[in-house]
Amino acid sequence: LYIVPSQILGRLVTTDTPVQVAAIGKRRELSRNRMISLAVAAERLQSPGNAGTLLRSCVGAGADGLWLSHDSVDSTHPKLLRAASGQWFRSPPESVDLQAWLRSQQSQGVQVLAADMDGPCYW
């Protein structure tokens, strides 16, 4: 624990009006071979705020995780971390080769469902 002047804290963080707390942590590695019962995968997700909100929704729904394609937003983006409201530390998103990951899940008997914004509406 370090107490630093506001001017120094302002240089360490990425927000204009930071809360008066900052943390540095090491990301834990998650097992790639763990059993998945409910997961969310997103392809080319670019908005860090949306990714953080999606991560919060995943945790709230009891999903086993959020998987992002390699061409999605950086899973450690500061805006993603803020939008995730602390849930990033509970279940950090993983960046994967999404097609290969989905195929591996299907080969293990996991049902894969997909949604496409340009697809037909079945409401």
Protein backbone atom coordinates (compact mmCIF):
# COMPACT_ATOMS: atom_id res chain seq x y z
CA LEU A 1 0.00 0.00 0.00
CA TYR A 2 1.38 3.37 -1.04
CA ILE A 3 -0.11 6.78 -0.36
CA VAL A 4 0.84 9.16 -3.17
CA PRO A 5 0.01 12.80 -3.90
CA SER A 6 -2.96 13.43 -6.23
CA GLN A 7 -0.62 14.78 -8.94
CA ILE A 8 1.27 11.48 -9.07
CA LEU A 9 -1.92 9.41 -8.99
CA GLY A 10 -3.23 11.51 -11.88
CA ARG A 11 -0.21 10.47 -13.96
CA LEU A 12 -0.60 6.78 -13.12
CA VAL A 13 -4.25 6.33 -14.13
CA THR A 14 -6.07 6.85 -17.41
CA THR A 15 -9.13 8.81 -16.25
CA ASP A 16 -9.50 12.58 -16.02
CA THR A 17 -11.15 12.45 -12.58
CA PRO A 18 -9.89 9.25 -10.96
CA VAL A 19 -11.23 7.78 -7.77
CA GLN A 20 -8.50 7.96 -5.18
CA VAL A 21 -7.51 4.28 -5.47
CA ALA A 22 -5.41 2.43 -8.05
CA ALA A 23 -4.23 -1.17 -8.14
CA ILE A 24 -1.75 -3.30 -10.05
CA GLY A 25 -2.22 -7.03 -10.26
CA LYS A 26 -0.97 -10.08 -12.06
CA ARG A 27 -3.43 -11.82 -14.36
CA ARG A 28 -4.01 -15.43 -13.44
CA GLU A 29 -3.97 -18.00 -16.19
CA LEU A 30 -7.20 -19.93 -16.61
CA SER A 31 -7.29 -23.57 -17.60
CA ARG A 32 -8.05 -23.95 -21.29
CA ASN A 33 -9.37 -27.47 -20.68
CA ARG A 34 -12.02 -26.64 -18.10
CA MET A 35 -15.57 -27.87 -18.56
CA ILE A 36 -17.91 -25.26 -20.06
CA SER A 37 -21.65 -25.31 -19.46
CA LEU A 38 -22.54 -21.72 -20.43
CA ALA A 39 -20.23 -19.32 -22.21
CA VAL A 40 -20.48 -16.18 -24.29
CA ALA A 41 -18.25 -15.65 -27.30
CA ALA A 42 -18.00 -12.38 -29.21
CA GLU A 43 -16.37 -11.77 -32.55
CA ARG A 44 -14.79 -8.42 -33.45
CA LEU A 45 -16.19 -6.66 -30.37
CA GLN A 46 -14.55 -3.24 -30.53
CA SER A 47 -16.15 -1.13 -27.79
CA PRO A 48 -14.39 -1.55 -24.44
CA GLY A 49 -17.47 -0.24 -22.62
CA ASN A 50 -19.72 -2.79 -24.32
CA ALA A 51 -17.23 -5.56 -23.58
CA GLY A 52 -17.19 -4.62 -19.89
CA THR A 53 -20.97 -4.54 -19.77
CA LEU A 54 -21.13 -7.92 -21.52
CA LEU A 55 -18.66 -9.31 -18.99
CA ARG A 56 -20.85 -8.09 -16.11
CA SER A 57 -23.84 -9.77 -17.77
CA CYS A 58 -21.89 -13.03 -18.13
CA VAL A 59 -20.99 -13.04 -14.45
CA GLY A 60 -24.54 -12.13 -13.47
CA ALA A 61 -25.95 -14.98 -15.58
CA GLY A 62 -23.51 -17.48 -14.11
CA ALA A 63 -21.65 -18.02 -17.38
CA ASP A 64 -18.30 -19.79 -17.28
CA GLY A 65 -16.67 -16.92 -19.09
CA LEU A 66 -16.46 -14.48 -21.96
CA TRP A 67 -14.31 -15.38 -24.96
CA LEU A 68 -13.28 -12.69 -27.43
CA SER A 69 -11.85 -13.17 -30.91
CA HIS A 70 -8.26 -11.98 -31.33
CA ASP A 71 -9.48 -9.00 -33.37
CA SER A 72 -11.67 -7.73 -30.51
CA VAL A 73 -10.85 -5.01 -28.00
CA ASP A 74 -7.87 -5.66 -25.70
CA SER A 75 -9.25 -7.52 -22.69
CA THR A 76 -7.14 -5.32 -20.38
CA HIS A 77 -8.30 -1.99 -21.84
CA PRO A 78 -8.83 0.48 -18.96
CA LYS A 79 -12.37 1.36 -20.14
CA LEU A 80 -13.27 -2.34 -20.24
CA LEU A 81 -11.98 -2.75 -16.70
CA ARG A 82 -14.05 0.20 -15.47
CA ALA A 83 -17.20 -0.92 -17.30
CA ALA A 84 -16.83 -4.41 -15.82
CA SER A 85 -17.19 -2.87 -12.33
CA GLY A 86 -14.79 -5.29 -10.67
CA GLN A 87 -16.16 -8.41 -12.36
CA TRP A 88 -13.02 -8.61 -14.53
CA PHE A 89 -11.19 -9.89 -11.46
CA ARG A 90 -13.77 -12.64 -10.96
CA SER A 91 -13.87 -13.80 -14.58
CA PRO A 92 -11.46 -12.03 -16.94
CA PRO A 93 -12.31 -12.36 -20.64
CA GLU A 94 -10.08 -14.58 -22.71
CA SER A 95 -8.77 -13.74 -26.18
CA VAL A 96 -8.81 -16.82 -28.42
CA ASP A 97 -8.88 -18.03 -31.99
CA LEU A 98 -12.66 -18.02 -31.83
CA GLN A 99 -13.37 -20.46 -34.67
CA ALA A 100 -10.92 -23.02 -33.32
CA TRP A 101 -12.23 -22.56 -29.77
CA LEU A 102 -15.85 -23.03 -30.89
CA ARG A 103 -14.92 -26.14 -32.87
CA SER A 104 -13.15 -27.59 -29.84
CA GLN A 105 -16.22 -26.92 -27.68
CA GLN A 106 -18.49 -28.59 -30.24
CA SER A 107 -16.19 -31.62 -30.38
CA GLN A 108 -16.67 -31.95 -26.61
CA GLY A 109 -20.45 -32.01 -27.05
CA VAL A 110 -21.15 -28.38 -26.18
CA GLN A 111 -24.12 -26.94 -28.06
CA VAL A 112 -23.12 -23.73 -29.89
CA LEU A 113 -25.79 -21.15 -30.69
CA ALA A 114 -25.09 -18.00 -32.68
CA ALA A 115 -26.74 -14.66 -33.33
CA ASP A 116 -26.14 -12.34 -36.27
CA MET A 117 -27.31 -8.73 -36.35
CA ASP A 118 -28.11 -9.07 -40.07
CA GLY A 119 -29.99 -12.36 -39.68
CA PRO A 120 -33.77 -12.80 -39.78
CA CYS A 121 -35.85 -11.86 -36.74
CA TYR A 122 -37.76 -14.76 -35.13
CA TRP A 123 -39.44 -12.69 -32.42
